[in-house]
Amino acid sequence: QVQLVESGGGLVQSGDSLRLSCVASGATLDYYAVGWFRQAPGKEREGPLGVSGTDGSSDYADSVKGRFTVSRDNAENTVFLQMTDLKPEDTAVYLCAAEYNDPNPARRPAALYEGLGDYWGQGTQVTVSS
């Protein structure tokens, strides 16, 4: 059983940056693609905003491309979401999800791109004031 715990959220001002962390336990992230999602009040979950593949690849939604960067530190079993130039419309609960994906060879993590995942964290709140 993989457990994911997000952290790093908070209240920031428009234009600020934040780095979110998704720490895994129960398994090594070497074998999991990880995606970041968000859900704003009254809205459907959006994402994946960024995906970190087991082959070191990364991919982004058009809505955040150029502002958000996903990275991973497998030694720390952690995936990060660096967010810059934050806007009030980025206000949401941010969640990470993991999909099993053997890196040899890595395949496209189809479940994450369908908004699904094998495991989900509880989320961390990001609030951006104008």
C-alpha atoms as a PDB file:
ATOM      1  CA  GLN A   1       0.000   0.000   0.000  1.00  0.00           C
ATOM      2  CA  VAL A   2       1.418   3.330  -1.070  1.00  0.00           C
ATOM      3  CA  GLN A   3       0.676   6.379   1.006  1.00  0.00           C
ATOM      4  CA  LEU A   4       1.127   9.868  -0.399  1.00  0.00           C
ATOM      5  CA  VAL A   5       1.347  13.004   1.705  1.00  0.00           C
ATOM      6  CA  GLU A   6       1.372  16.465   0.197  1.00  0.00           C
ATOM      7  CA  SER A   7       2.790  19.526   1.896  1.00  0.00           C
ATOM      8  CA  GLY A   8       4.010  23.006   1.104  1.00  0.00           C
ATOM      9  CA  GLY A   9       0.735  24.776   0.533  1.00  0.00           C
ATOM     10  CA  GLY A  10      -0.171  28.075   2.100  1.00  0.00           C
ATOM     11  CA  LEU A  11      -1.441  31.603   1.634  1.00  0.00           C
ATOM     12  CA  VAL A  12       0.579  33.678  -0.805  1.00  0.00           C
ATOM     13  CA  GLN A  13       0.144  36.798  -2.864  1.00  0.00           C
ATOM     14  CA  SER A  14      -0.302  37.019  -6.598  1.00  0.00           C
ATOM     15  CA  GLY A  15       3.053  36.640  -8.318  1.00  0.00           C
ATOM     16  CA  ASP A  16       4.602  34.580  -5.526  1.00  0.00           C
ATOM     17  CA  SER A  17       6.020  31.086  -5.787  1.00  0.00           C
ATOM     18  CA  LEU A  18       5.466  27.887  -3.844  1.00  0.00           C
ATOM     19  CA  ARG A  19       6.986  24.432  -3.931  1.00  0.00           C
ATOM     20  CA  LEU A  20       4.721  21.540  -3.098  1.00  0.00           C
ATOM     21  CA  SER A  21       6.020  18.137  -2.042  1.00  0.00           C
ATOM     22  CA  CYS A  22       4.461  14.708  -2.438  1.00  0.00           C
ATOM     23  CA  VAL A  23       6.187  12.205  -0.176  1.00  0.00           C
ATOM     24  CA  ALA A  24       5.541   8.514  -0.678  1.00  0.00           C
ATOM     25  CA  SER A  25       5.794   5.671   1.803  1.00  0.00           C
ATOM     26  CA  GLY A  26       5.148   1.982   1.424  1.00  0.00           C
ATOM     27  CA  ALA A  27       6.853   1.728  -1.957  1.00  0.00           C
ATOM     28  CA  THR A  28       9.604   3.334  -3.962  1.00  0.00           C
ATOM     29  CA  LEU A  29       8.588   6.005  -6.451  1.00  0.00           C
ATOM     30  CA  ASP A  30      11.124   4.582  -8.915  1.00  0.00           C
ATOM     31  CA  TYR A  31       8.222   2.460 -10.153  1.00  0.00           C
ATOM     32  CA  TYR A  32       5.484   5.082 -10.075  1.00  0.00           C
ATOM     33  CA  ALA A  33       4.559   7.935 -12.345  1.00  0.00           C
ATOM     34  CA  VAL A  34       3.190  10.814 -10.290  1.00  0.00           C
ATOM     35  CA  GLY A  35       0.752  13.471 -11.344  1.00  0.00           C
ATOM     36  CA  TRP A  36      -0.389  16.679  -9.698  1.00  0.00           C
ATOM     37  CA  PHE A  37      -4.037  17.710  -9.715  1.00  0.00           C
ATOM     38  CA  ARG A  38      -6.047  20.487  -8.132  1.00  0.00           C
ATOM     39  CA  GLN A  39      -9.614  21.098  -7.112  1.00  0.00           C
ATOM     40  CA  ALA A  40     -11.049  24.513  -6.476  1.00  0.00           C
ATOM     41  CA  PRO A  41     -14.224  25.026  -4.442  1.00  0.00           C
ATOM     42  CA  GLY A  42     -17.289  24.211  -6.477  1.00  0.00           C
ATOM     43  CA  LYS A  43     -15.269  23.005  -9.439  1.00  0.00           C
ATOM     44  CA  GLU A  44     -14.306  19.640 -10.815  1.00  0.00           C
ATOM     45  CA  ARG A  45     -10.846  18.291 -10.231  1.00  0.00           C
ATOM     46  CA  GLU A  46      -8.397  19.584 -12.821  1.00  0.00           C
ATOM     47  CA  GLY A  47      -5.374  17.804 -14.124  1.00  0.00           C
ATOM     48  CA  PRO A  48      -2.977  16.350 -14.373  1.00  0.00           C
ATOM     49  CA  LEU A  49      -1.245  19.721 -14.164  1.00  0.00           C
ATOM     50  CA  GLY A  50       2.121  18.052 -14.351  1.00  0.00           C
ATOM     51  CA  VAL A  51       3.309  14.473 -14.622  1.00  0.00           C
ATOM     52  CA  SER A  52       6.644  13.061 -13.549  1.00  0.00           C
ATOM     53  CA  GLY A  53       7.432   9.844 -15.402  1.00  0.00           C
ATOM     54  CA  THR A  54       9.549   6.982 -14.152  1.00  0.00           C
ATOM     55  CA  ASP A  55      11.899   7.601 -17.080  1.00  0.00           C
ATOM     56  CA  GLY A  56      12.614  11.119 -15.887  1.00  0.00           C
ATOM     57  CA  SER A  57      10.197  12.716 -18.308  1.00  0.00           C
ATOM     58  CA  SER A  58       7.814  15.511 -17.403  1.00  0.00           C
ATOM     59  CA  ASP A  59       4.682  16.807 -19.031  1.00  0.00           C
ATOM     60  CA  TYR A  60       2.387  19.753 -18.364  1.00  0.00           C
ATOM     61  CA  ALA A  61      -1.103  20.953 -18.950  1.00  0.00           C
ATOM     62  CA  ASP A  62      -1.301  24.009 -21.200  1.00  0.00           C
ATOM     63  CA  SER A  63      -2.901  25.963 -18.366  1.00  0.00           C
ATOM     64  CA  VAL A  64       0.279  25.839 -16.279  1.00  0.00           C
ATOM     65  CA  LYS A  65       3.016  25.313 -18.844  1.00  0.00           C
ATOM     66  CA  GLY A  66       5.841  27.754 -18.289  1.00  0.00           C
ATOM     67  CA  ARG A  67       4.809  28.473 -14.684  1.00  0.00           C
ATOM     68  CA  PHE A  68       4.788  25.039 -13.038  1.00  0.00           C
ATOM     69  CA  THR A  69       7.647  22.536 -12.969  1.00  0.00           C
ATOM     70  CA  VAL A  70       7.455  18.968 -11.749  1.00  0.00           C
ATOM     71  CA  SER A  71      10.530  17.117 -10.544  1.00  0.00           C
ATOM     72  CA  ARG A  72      11.377  14.125  -8.443  1.00  0.00           C
ATOM     73  CA  ASP A  73      13.980  12.974  -5.975  1.00  0.00           C
ATOM     74  CA  ASN A  74      13.777   9.207  -5.893  1.00  0.00           C
ATOM     75  CA  ALA A  75      16.318   9.016  -3.082  1.00  0.00           C
ATOM     76  CA  GLU A  76      13.868  11.002  -0.955  1.00  0.00           C
ATOM     77  CA  ASN A  77      10.838   9.248  -2.463  1.00  0.00           C
ATOM     78  CA  THR A  78       9.426  12.677  -3.222  1.00  0.00           C
ATOM     79  CA  VAL A  79       7.925  14.454  -6.198  1.00  0.00           C
ATOM     80  CA  PHE A  80       7.802  18.235  -6.246  1.00  0.00           C
ATOM     81  CA  LEU A  81       5.624  20.809  -7.942  1.00  0.00           C
ATOM     82  CA  GLN A  82       7.349  24.166  -8.238  1.00  0.00           C
ATOM     83  CA  MET A  83       4.791  26.879  -8.932  1.00  0.00           C
ATOM     84  CA  THR A  84       5.768  30.383  -9.979  1.00  0.00           C
ATOM     85  CA  ASP A  85       3.868  33.560 -10.835  1.00  0.00           C
ATOM     86  CA  LEU A  86       0.878  32.330  -8.910  1.00  0.00           C
ATOM     87  CA  LYS A  87      -2.515  33.822  -9.694  1.00  0.00           C
ATOM     88  CA  PRO A  88      -5.753  33.949  -7.700  1.00  0.00           C
ATOM     89  CA  GLU A  89      -7.227  31.380 -10.089  1.00  0.00           C
ATOM     90  CA  ASP A  90      -4.556  28.918  -8.917  1.00  0.00           C
ATOM     91  CA  THR A  91      -6.308  28.783  -5.548  1.00  0.00           C
ATOM     92  CA  ALA A  92      -7.257  25.161  -4.910  1.00  0.00           C
ATOM     93  CA  VAL A  93      -6.454  22.011  -3.000  1.00  0.00           C
ATOM     94  CA  TYR A  94      -3.505  20.395  -4.738  1.00  0.00           C
ATOM     95  CA  LEU A  95      -3.272  16.627  -4.759  1.00  0.00           C
ATOM     96  CA  CYS A  96      -0.747  14.133  -6.046  1.00  0.00           C
ATOM     97  CA  ALA A  97      -1.556  10.718  -7.444  1.00  0.00           C
ATOM     98  CA  ALA A  98       0.652   7.778  -8.349  1.00  0.00           C
ATOM     99  CA  GLU A  99       0.295   5.162 -11.054  1.00  0.00           C
ATOM    100  CA  TYR A 100       2.457   2.049 -11.175  1.00  0.00           C
ATOM    101  CA  ASN A 101       4.741   2.328 -14.198  1.00  0.00           C
ATOM    102  CA  ASP A 102       7.753   0.064 -14.636  1.00  0.00           C
ATOM    103  CA  PRO A 103      10.570   2.260 -15.989  1.00  0.00           C
ATOM    104  CA  ASN A 104      12.001  -0.493 -18.198  1.00  0.00           C
ATOM    105  CA  PRO A 105      10.576   0.504 -20.545  1.00  0.00           C
ATOM    106  CA  ALA A 106       8.396   3.324 -19.261  1.00  0.00           C
ATOM    107  CA  ARG A 107       4.989   3.675 -20.861  1.00  0.00           C
ATOM    108  CA  ARG A 108       2.618   6.595 -20.953  1.00  0.00           C
ATOM    109  CA  PRO A 109       0.817   6.694 -17.576  1.00  0.00           C
ATOM    110  CA  ALA A 110      -2.616   6.482 -19.135  1.00  0.00           C
ATOM    111  CA  ALA A 111      -4.548   6.359 -15.879  1.00  0.00           C
ATOM    112  CA  LEU A 112      -3.117   9.637 -14.657  1.00  0.00           C
ATOM    113  CA  TYR A 113      -4.060  11.340 -17.928  1.00  0.00           C
ATOM    114  CA  GLU A 114      -7.591  10.056 -17.408  1.00  0.00           C
ATOM    115  CA  GLY A 115      -7.685  11.661 -13.983  1.00  0.00           C
ATOM    116  CA  LEU A 116      -7.207   8.356 -12.249  1.00  0.00           C
ATOM    117  CA  GLY A 117      -4.394   6.878 -10.218  1.00  0.00           C
ATOM    118  CA  ASP A 118      -3.569   3.913  -8.098  1.00  0.00           C
ATOM    119  CA  TYR A 119      -3.005   6.030  -5.000  1.00  0.00           C
ATOM    120  CA  TRP A 120      -3.954   9.547  -3.944  1.00  0.00           C
ATOM    121  CA  GLY A 121      -2.868  11.943  -1.266  1.00  0.00           C
ATOM    122  CA  GLN A 122      -5.201  14.062   0.845  1.00  0.00           C
ATOM    123  CA  GLY A 123      -4.108  17.349  -0.649  1.00  0.00           C
ATOM    124  CA  THR A 124      -2.612  20.636   0.462  1.00  0.00           C
ATOM    125  CA  GLN A 125      -4.393  23.986   0.258  1.00  0.00           C
ATOM    126  CA  VAL A 126      -2.952  26.759  -1.874  1.00  0.00           C
ATOM    127  CA  THR A 127      -4.566  30.168  -1.590  1.00  0.00           C
ATOM    128  CA  VAL A 128      -3.428  33.065  -3.750  1.00  0.00           C
ATOM    129  CA  SER A 129      -4.616  36.538  -2.820  1.00  0.00           C
ATOM    130  CA  SER A 130      -4.784  39.355  -5.343  1.00  0.00           C
END
